[in-house]
Amino acid sequence: MSQAPRRVTIRDVAARAGVSIATVSRVLGGTYPPAPATRSKVMKAVRELDYVANPHARALSGATSKTIAIVLNSVISPYYAHVAQGVQAEAARHDRLCLIGITGGDAARELATVRLMREEGADAVILVGNVVDDDGYKTRMAEYASALAAAGSQLVLCGRPSLGPDVPSVNVEFDNTGGARAATSHLLSAGHQRILYLGHRVGYTTSEGRIAGYREALAAFGVEHDPGLEVQGTWERAEGYRLIKKRLQSGPPDFTAVFAANDQVAAGALKALRESGLRVPDDISMIGYDDLPPAEDIGLTTVHVPHEELGRTAARMVLERESAGAGHVMLGTHIVVRDSVRPLARPR
């Protein structure tokens, strides 16, 4: 078994910069304004050695940050906003502040953000949302987890797949596949067999989990799987509108129900159906996923995801644990029945 790399110390930084340990301490602590050349040498050594101040030493000096970092793909999406709100609420209960970093789904920006949060001494770094779960992702996450643990922090994956017990990270997710299976079963129980799955994002963990539940339900009801009913697309409202418009260009609908990958896609699809003279649920039944705005406003039957509880649980698991390490929590989902699904009277 290989040994863990030796932690870089303030002594190493001083040696690399050619200054005293006291000078490094003062530069990093900001206790006096150093000469520009001295500060430049110290900070260059810090970057080259990837030095992170010992969190216990920072605490003794009064420089502890008492922060929780949240790293999101976007703040526009209601999904991310509600999870972040849950983190913030639990952090406030533990007298912690929140730092938020936005990556736009870019892996390089995510890495830079995690490094910044580590240097700021955050108690935990919570990564939220949909990812492509390939070998590169797993390797990158394992490196994040080890680097944070060495700095006295903790990596938390929220709504992302677990990295396994050998990686020092915490994993909080919801039953994504179970929710999609229940949604599809709800439509099948109402007599629908031609169910259009709208908005599959190939390779993305959340999307793959949802389409897996869709396929499992079809198999359980003995309905033949038709790949032609699975439509790829992103998860924006405009995309749901575009996909339905395109689908209906070739003629009358070859489906009796739509399972939209999320409520935003469902809202766009609903508008497109109405513009084409089709009523929901009289002509086409529809179900969504997430139970976020605009689901209630449009009477959409959907799958409820405990977004704020995801955030609360992620923060609570690291703030109330006595020591850092691995942990896993799976939260449940359930269907919220509204007015967008109607039993199919006879086969179309």
Protein backbone atom coordinates (compact mmCIF):
# COMPACT_ATOMS: atom_id res chain seq x y z
CA MET A 1 0.00 0.00 0.00
CA SER A 2 1.47 3.37 -1.05
CA GLN A 3 2.10 5.99 1.60
CA ALA A 4 0.13 9.24 1.60
CA PRO A 5 2.17 12.22 0.36
CA ARG A 6 3.83 14.28 3.08
CA ARG A 7 1.96 17.44 3.99
CA VAL A 8 3.73 20.60 2.83
CA THR A 9 4.56 22.76 5.85
CA ILE A 10 5.17 26.44 6.40
CA ARG A 11 8.84 25.53 6.86
CA ASP A 12 8.91 24.22 3.26
CA VAL A 13 7.39 27.46 2.01
CA ALA A 14 9.94 29.53 3.89
CA ALA A 15 12.80 27.47 2.50
CA ARG A 16 11.50 27.77 -1.07
CA ALA A 17 11.00 31.55 -0.74
CA GLY A 18 14.29 32.13 1.08
CA VAL A 19 12.69 33.93 4.01
CA SER A 20 11.99 33.14 7.66
CA ILE A 21 9.02 31.13 8.90
CA ALA A 22 7.83 34.22 10.77
CA THR A 23 7.81 36.21 7.53
CA VAL A 24 5.70 33.57 5.78
CA SER A 25 3.30 33.55 8.70
CA ARG A 26 2.94 37.33 8.61
CA VAL A 27 2.43 37.42 4.84
CA LEU A 28 -0.27 34.74 4.95
CA GLY A 29 -1.89 36.16 8.06
CA GLY A 30 -1.84 39.72 6.78
CA THR A 31 -0.48 41.01 10.09
CA TYR A 32 1.80 43.54 8.43
CA PRO A 33 2.21 44.96 4.92
CA PRO A 34 5.35 43.22 3.59
CA ALA A 35 7.61 44.58 0.87
CA PRO A 36 6.08 43.72 -2.53
CA ALA A 37 9.10 41.63 -3.51
CA THR A 38 8.92 39.61 -0.29
CA ARG A 39 5.21 38.97 -0.61
CA SER A 40 5.68 37.96 -4.25
CA LYS A 41 8.35 35.38 -3.32
CA VAL A 42 6.21 33.91 -0.56
CA MET A 43 3.07 33.63 -2.66
CA LYS A 44 5.06 32.10 -5.54
CA ALA A 45 6.35 29.41 -3.17
CA VAL A 46 2.82 28.80 -1.85
CA ARG A 47 1.53 28.20 -5.38
CA GLU A 48 4.44 26.00 -6.44
CA LEU A 49 4.16 23.80 -3.34
CA ASP A 50 0.34 23.83 -3.31
CA TYR A 51 0.53 24.84 0.35
CA VAL A 52 -2.60 25.02 2.50
CA ALA A 53 -2.36 26.43 6.02
CA ASN A 54 -3.03 23.94 8.81
CA PRO A 55 -6.68 24.53 9.79
CA HIS A 56 -5.94 23.97 13.48
CA ALA A 57 -3.20 26.59 13.42
CA ARG A 58 -5.56 28.98 11.68
CA ALA A 59 -8.16 28.37 14.38
CA LEU A 60 -5.67 29.09 17.16
CA SER A 61 -4.70 32.34 15.48
CA GLY A 62 -8.35 33.37 15.15
CA ALA A 63 -8.25 33.04 11.36
CA THR A 64 -10.66 30.13 11.05
CA SER A 65 -13.23 30.77 8.32
CA LYS A 66 -16.27 28.89 9.68
CA THR A 67 -17.63 28.48 6.16
CA ILE A 68 -19.42 25.90 4.02
CA ALA A 69 -18.70 26.07 0.30
CA ILE A 70 -21.35 25.18 -2.30
CA VAL A 71 -20.22 24.56 -5.88
CA LEU A 72 -23.05 24.65 -8.45
CA ASN A 73 -23.40 24.41 -12.21
CA SER A 74 -25.87 27.30 -12.21
CA VAL A 75 -27.88 29.59 -9.94
CA ILE A 76 -30.64 30.11 -12.51
CA SER A 77 -32.06 26.60 -12.27
CA PRO A 78 -34.62 26.17 -9.44
CA TYR A 79 -33.07 22.76 -8.70
CA TYR A 80 -29.71 24.25 -7.70
CA ALA A 81 -31.27 27.24 -5.97
CA HIS A 82 -33.41 25.08 -3.66
CA VAL A 83 -30.51 22.76 -2.77
CA ALA A 84 -28.32 25.78 -1.99
CA GLN A 85 -31.09 27.21 0.19
CA GLY A 86 -31.12 23.98 2.20
CA VAL A 87 -27.35 24.12 2.71
CA GLN A 88 -27.57 27.75 3.79
CA ALA A 89 -30.33 27.05 6.30
CA GLU A 90 -28.40 24.24 7.97
CA ALA A 91 -25.14 26.21 7.88
CA ALA A 92 -26.84 29.13 9.62
CA ARG A 93 -28.13 26.78 12.32
CA HIS A 94 -24.51 25.80 13.00
CA ASP A 95 -23.25 29.40 12.89
CA ARG A 96 -21.50 28.96 9.54
CA LEU A 97 -21.41 31.21 6.50
CA CYS A 98 -21.83 29.97 2.92
CA LEU A 99 -19.57 30.57 -0.07
CA ILE A 100 -21.04 29.86 -3.51
CA GLY A 101 -19.04 29.03 -6.63
CA ILE A 102 -20.56 28.70 -10.12
CA THR A 103 -18.89 26.45 -12.70
CA GLY A 104 -21.25 26.29 -15.67
CA GLY A 105 -20.51 22.56 -15.74
CA ASP A 106 -16.86 23.19 -16.69
CA ALA A 107 -14.48 20.68 -15.07
CA ALA A 108 -11.53 23.10 -15.08
CA ARG A 109 -13.58 25.80 -13.33
CA GLU A 110 -14.80 23.22 -10.83
CA LEU A 111 -11.21 22.24 -10.01
CA ALA A 112 -10.18 25.88 -9.60
CA THR A 113 -13.19 26.56 -7.38
CA VAL A 114 -12.50 23.56 -5.14
CA ARG A 115 -8.88 24.69 -4.75
CA LEU A 116 -10.00 28.19 -3.83
CA MET A 117 -12.48 26.91 -1.25
CA ARG A 118 -9.78 24.67 0.22
CA GLU A 119 -7.38 27.60 0.52
CA GLU A 120 -10.14 29.58 2.25
CA GLY A 121 -10.32 26.83 4.87
CA ALA A 122 -13.96 25.85 4.26
CA ASP A 123 -15.24 23.18 6.66
CA ALA A 124 -16.72 21.35 3.68
CA VAL A 125 -17.03 21.70 -0.08
CA ILE A 126 -20.42 20.55 -1.39
CA LEU A 127 -20.58 19.74 -5.10
CA VAL A 128 -24.14 19.72 -6.43
CA GLY A 129 -25.75 18.26 -9.51
CA ASN A 130 -25.63 16.37 -12.75
CA VAL A 131 -22.30 15.03 -14.09
CA VAL A 132 -20.89 12.60 -16.63
CA ASP A 133 -19.80 9.71 -14.42
CA ASP A 134 -16.74 8.49 -16.34
CA ASP A 135 -13.26 7.41 -15.21
CA GLY A 136 -11.94 10.95 -15.51
CA TYR A 137 -14.66 12.24 -13.20
CA LYS A 138 -14.01 9.54 -10.60
CA THR A 139 -10.26 10.19 -10.64
CA ARG A 140 -10.80 13.93 -10.31
CA MET A 141 -13.26 13.54 -7.42
CA ALA A 142 -10.91 11.18 -5.55
CA GLU A 143 -8.14 13.77 -5.85
CA TYR A 144 -10.47 16.50 -4.57
CA ALA A 145 -11.50 14.36 -1.62
CA SER A 146 -7.93 13.51 -0.61
CA ALA A 147 -6.70 17.10 -0.96
CA LEU A 148 -9.59 18.46 1.12
CA ALA A 149 -9.15 15.79 3.79
CA ALA A 150 -5.44 16.67 4.05
CA ALA A 151 -6.43 20.29 4.67
CA GLY A 152 -8.94 19.33 7.38
CA SER A 153 -11.97 19.80 5.13
CA GLN A 154 -14.50 17.38 3.62
CA LEU A 155 -15.84 16.69 0.12
CA VAL A 156 -19.61 16.22 -0.15
CA LEU A 157 -21.29 14.97 -3.31
CA CYS A 158 -24.92 16.12 -3.39
CA GLY A 159 -27.16 14.52 -6.00
CA ARG A 160 -24.10 12.81 -7.46
CA PRO A 161 -23.07 9.14 -7.43
CA SER A 162 -21.00 7.73 -4.59
CA LEU A 163 -17.25 7.27 -5.00
CA GLY A 164 -17.18 4.22 -2.73
CA PRO A 165 -15.95 3.56 0.82
CA ASP A 166 -12.26 4.03 0.03
CA VAL A 167 -12.63 7.72 -0.83
CA PRO A 168 -12.99 10.18 2.10
CA SER A 169 -16.20 11.80 0.87
CA VAL A 170 -19.84 12.09 1.89
CA ASN A 171 -22.62 11.27 -0.58
CA VAL A 172 -26.22 12.53 -0.35
CA GLU A 173 -28.62 11.63 -3.14
CA PHE A 174 -32.27 10.88 -3.84
CA ASP A 175 -34.00 7.85 -5.38
CA ASN A 176 -33.83 9.18 -8.91
CA THR A 177 -34.55 5.88 -10.66
CA GLY A 178 -37.32 4.93 -8.24
CA GLY A 179 -39.09 8.23 -8.86
CA ALA A 180 -38.98 7.74 -12.65
CA ARG A 181 -40.19 4.17 -12.30
CA ALA A 182 -43.14 5.35 -10.20
CA ALA A 183 -43.97 8.14 -12.69
CA THR A 184 -43.96 5.78 -15.67
CA SER A 185 -45.99 3.21 -13.72
CA HIS A 186 -48.56 5.90 -12.98
CA LEU A 187 -49.04 6.47 -16.71
CA LEU A 188 -49.06 2.76 -17.50
CA SER A 189 -51.68 2.14 -14.82
CA ALA A 190 -53.86 4.75 -16.55
CA GLY A 191 -53.70 2.68 -19.75
CA HIS A 192 -50.96 4.54 -21.58
CA GLN A 193 -48.40 2.42 -23.44
CA ARG A 194 -47.09 4.89 -26.02
CA ILE A 195 -45.22 7.12 -23.56
CA LEU A 196 -42.85 9.69 -25.04
CA TYR A 197 -39.77 10.22 -22.83
CA LEU A 198 -38.76 13.82 -23.45
CA GLY A 199 -35.28 15.17 -22.67
CA HIS A 200 -32.76 12.34 -22.32
CA ARG A 201 -29.18 13.60 -21.78
CA VAL A 202 -26.95 10.66 -22.66
CA GLY A 203 -24.18 9.97 -20.14
CA TYR A 204 -25.37 12.37 -17.43
CA THR A 205 -26.00 10.66 -14.11
CA THR A 206 -29.37 12.22 -13.26
CA SER A 207 -30.72 11.69 -16.77
CA GLU A 208 -29.47 8.10 -16.97
CA GLY A 209 -31.11 7.34 -13.63
CA ARG A 210 -34.47 8.68 -14.80
CA ILE A 211 -34.54 6.89 -18.13
CA ALA A 212 -33.52 3.68 -16.36
CA GLY A 213 -36.65 3.96 -14.18
CA TYR A 214 -38.76 4.59 -17.29
CA ARG A 215 -37.44 1.44 -18.96
CA GLU A 216 -37.81 -0.64 -15.80
CA ALA A 217 -41.49 0.29 -15.51
CA LEU A 218 -42.16 -0.61 -19.16
CA ALA A 219 -40.56 -4.02 -18.60
CA ALA A 220 -42.52 -4.60 -15.38
CA PHE A 221 -45.82 -3.93 -17.22
CA GLY A 222 -44.82 -6.10 -20.18
CA VAL A 223 -44.75 -3.15 -22.60
CA GLU A 224 -42.25 -3.43 -25.43
CA HIS A 225 -39.46 -0.85 -25.28
CA ASP A 226 -39.48 1.47 -28.30
CA PRO A 227 -36.25 3.53 -28.64
CA GLY A 228 -38.13 5.81 -31.03
CA LEU A 229 -40.10 7.15 -28.07
CA GLU A 230 -36.95 8.33 -26.28
CA VAL A 231 -36.10 11.87 -27.37
CA GLN A 232 -32.73 13.39 -26.53
CA GLY A 233 -32.50 17.00 -25.41
CA THR A 234 -31.38 19.44 -22.74
CA TRP A 235 -33.44 20.37 -19.68
CA GLU A 236 -34.67 23.87 -20.48
CA ARG A 237 -38.25 25.02 -21.02
CA ALA A 238 -37.48 26.14 -24.57
CA GLU A 239 -36.11 22.69 -25.37
CA GLY A 240 -39.36 20.97 -24.34
CA TYR A 241 -41.24 23.34 -26.63
CA ARG A 242 -38.85 22.74 -29.53
CA LEU A 243 -38.85 18.96 -29.21
CA ILE A 244 -42.64 18.66 -29.25
CA LYS A 245 -42.97 21.07 -32.18
CA LYS A 246 -40.44 19.01 -34.11
CA ARG A 247 -42.17 15.74 -33.18
CA LEU A 248 -45.54 16.95 -34.43
CA GLN A 249 -44.23 18.22 -37.77
CA SER A 250 -44.57 14.75 -39.29
CA GLY A 251 -48.23 14.36 -38.40
CA PRO A 252 -50.57 13.43 -35.53
CA PRO A 253 -48.91 12.30 -32.28
CA ASP A 254 -47.75 8.69 -32.13
CA PHE A 255 -47.92 8.83 -28.33
CA THR A 256 -50.70 9.21 -25.77
CA ALA A 257 -48.59 10.50 -22.89
CA VAL A 258 -45.39 12.45 -22.23
CA PHE A 259 -42.92 11.82 -19.43
CA ALA A 260 -40.80 14.99 -19.34
CA ALA A 261 -37.32 14.70 -17.82
CA ASN A 262 -38.06 17.69 -15.57
CA ASP A 263 -40.82 20.24 -14.97
CA GLN A 264 -39.15 22.92 -17.11
CA VAL A 265 -39.20 20.59 -20.12
CA ALA A 266 -42.82 19.71 -19.31
CA ALA A 267 -43.86 23.38 -19.27
CA GLY A 268 -42.36 23.94 -22.72
CA ALA A 269 -43.94 20.76 -24.06
CA LEU A 270 -47.34 21.78 -22.68
CA LYS A 271 -47.20 25.09 -24.52
CA ALA A 272 -46.25 23.38 -27.80
CA LEU A 273 -49.08 20.86 -27.48
CA ARG A 274 -51.64 23.59 -26.85
CA GLU A 275 -50.43 25.58 -29.85
CA SER A 276 -50.91 22.44 -31.95
CA GLY A 277 -54.53 22.12 -30.81
CA LEU A 278 -53.90 19.28 -28.34
CA ARG A 279 -55.25 19.46 -24.79
CA VAL A 280 -53.61 18.16 -21.63
CA PRO A 281 -54.88 15.81 -20.27
CA ASP A 282 -57.87 15.32 -22.63
CA ASP A 283 -55.75 14.45 -25.67
CA ILE A 284 -52.27 13.90 -24.20
CA SER A 285 -51.42 13.05 -20.59
CA MET A 286 -48.23 14.45 -19.10
CA ILE A 287 -46.02 13.92 -16.08
CA GLY A 288 -42.87 15.77 -15.02
CA TYR A 289 -40.07 15.45 -12.49
CA ASP A 290 -38.75 17.65 -9.62
CA ASP A 291 -41.95 19.35 -8.30
CA LEU A 292 -40.48 22.82 -8.68
CA PRO A 293 -42.00 25.91 -10.30
CA PRO A 294 -43.94 25.92 -12.59
CA ALA A 295 -45.38 22.46 -11.77
CA GLU A 296 -48.06 23.55 -9.31
CA ASP A 297 -49.08 26.58 -11.39
CA ILE A 298 -49.82 24.46 -14.47
CA GLY A 299 -51.42 21.57 -12.57
CA LEU A 300 -48.66 19.16 -13.52
CA THR A 301 -48.49 15.68 -12.00
CA THR A 302 -44.83 15.23 -11.14
CA VAL A 303 -42.24 13.51 -8.95
CA HIS A 304 -41.36 15.38 -5.78
CA VAL A 305 -37.64 15.65 -5.02
CA PRO A 306 -36.66 16.86 -1.51
CA HIS A 307 -34.31 19.54 -2.83
CA GLU A 308 -33.92 21.61 0.34
CA GLU A 309 -33.60 18.49 2.45
CA LEU A 310 -30.78 17.35 0.14
CA GLY A 311 -28.91 20.55 0.97
CA ARG A 312 -29.73 20.39 4.68
CA THR A 313 -28.61 16.77 4.93
CA ALA A 314 -25.38 17.44 3.04
CA ALA A 315 -24.43 20.24 5.44
CA ARG A 316 -25.61 18.40 8.53
CA MET A 317 -23.61 15.26 7.75
CA VAL A 318 -20.31 17.14 7.82
CA LEU A 319 -21.11 19.61 10.58
CA GLU A 320 -22.41 17.02 13.05
CA ARG A 321 -19.90 14.24 12.38
CA GLU A 322 -17.17 13.82 14.95
CA SER A 323 -14.55 12.95 12.34
CA ALA A 324 -14.18 13.15 8.59
CA GLY A 325 -14.73 10.10 6.44
CA ALA A 326 -17.13 8.40 4.09
CA GLY A 327 -20.90 8.39 4.50
CA HIS A 328 -23.97 7.85 2.34
CA VAL A 329 -27.64 8.88 2.57
CA MET A 330 -30.41 8.11 0.09
CA LEU A 331 -33.55 10.28 0.31
CA GLY A 332 -36.92 9.18 -1.04
CA THR A 333 -39.11 10.62 -3.81
CA HIS A 334 -42.88 10.43 -4.39
CA ILE A 335 -45.49 11.34 -6.98
CA VAL A 336 -47.60 14.47 -6.54
CA VAL A 337 -50.88 13.89 -8.40
CA ARG A 338 -52.48 16.95 -10.00
CA ASP A 339 -54.52 17.37 -13.20
CA SER A 340 -52.31 16.40 -16.13
CA VAL A 341 -52.91 12.62 -16.37
CA ARG A 342 -56.17 11.07 -17.61
CA PRO A 343 -57.01 7.36 -17.93
CA LEU A 344 -56.93 6.22 -21.52
CA ALA A 345 -60.46 5.08 -22.47
CA ARG A 346 -59.43 2.99 -25.47
CA PRO A 347 -56.25 2.28 -27.47
CA ARG A 348 -55.36 4.92 -30.03
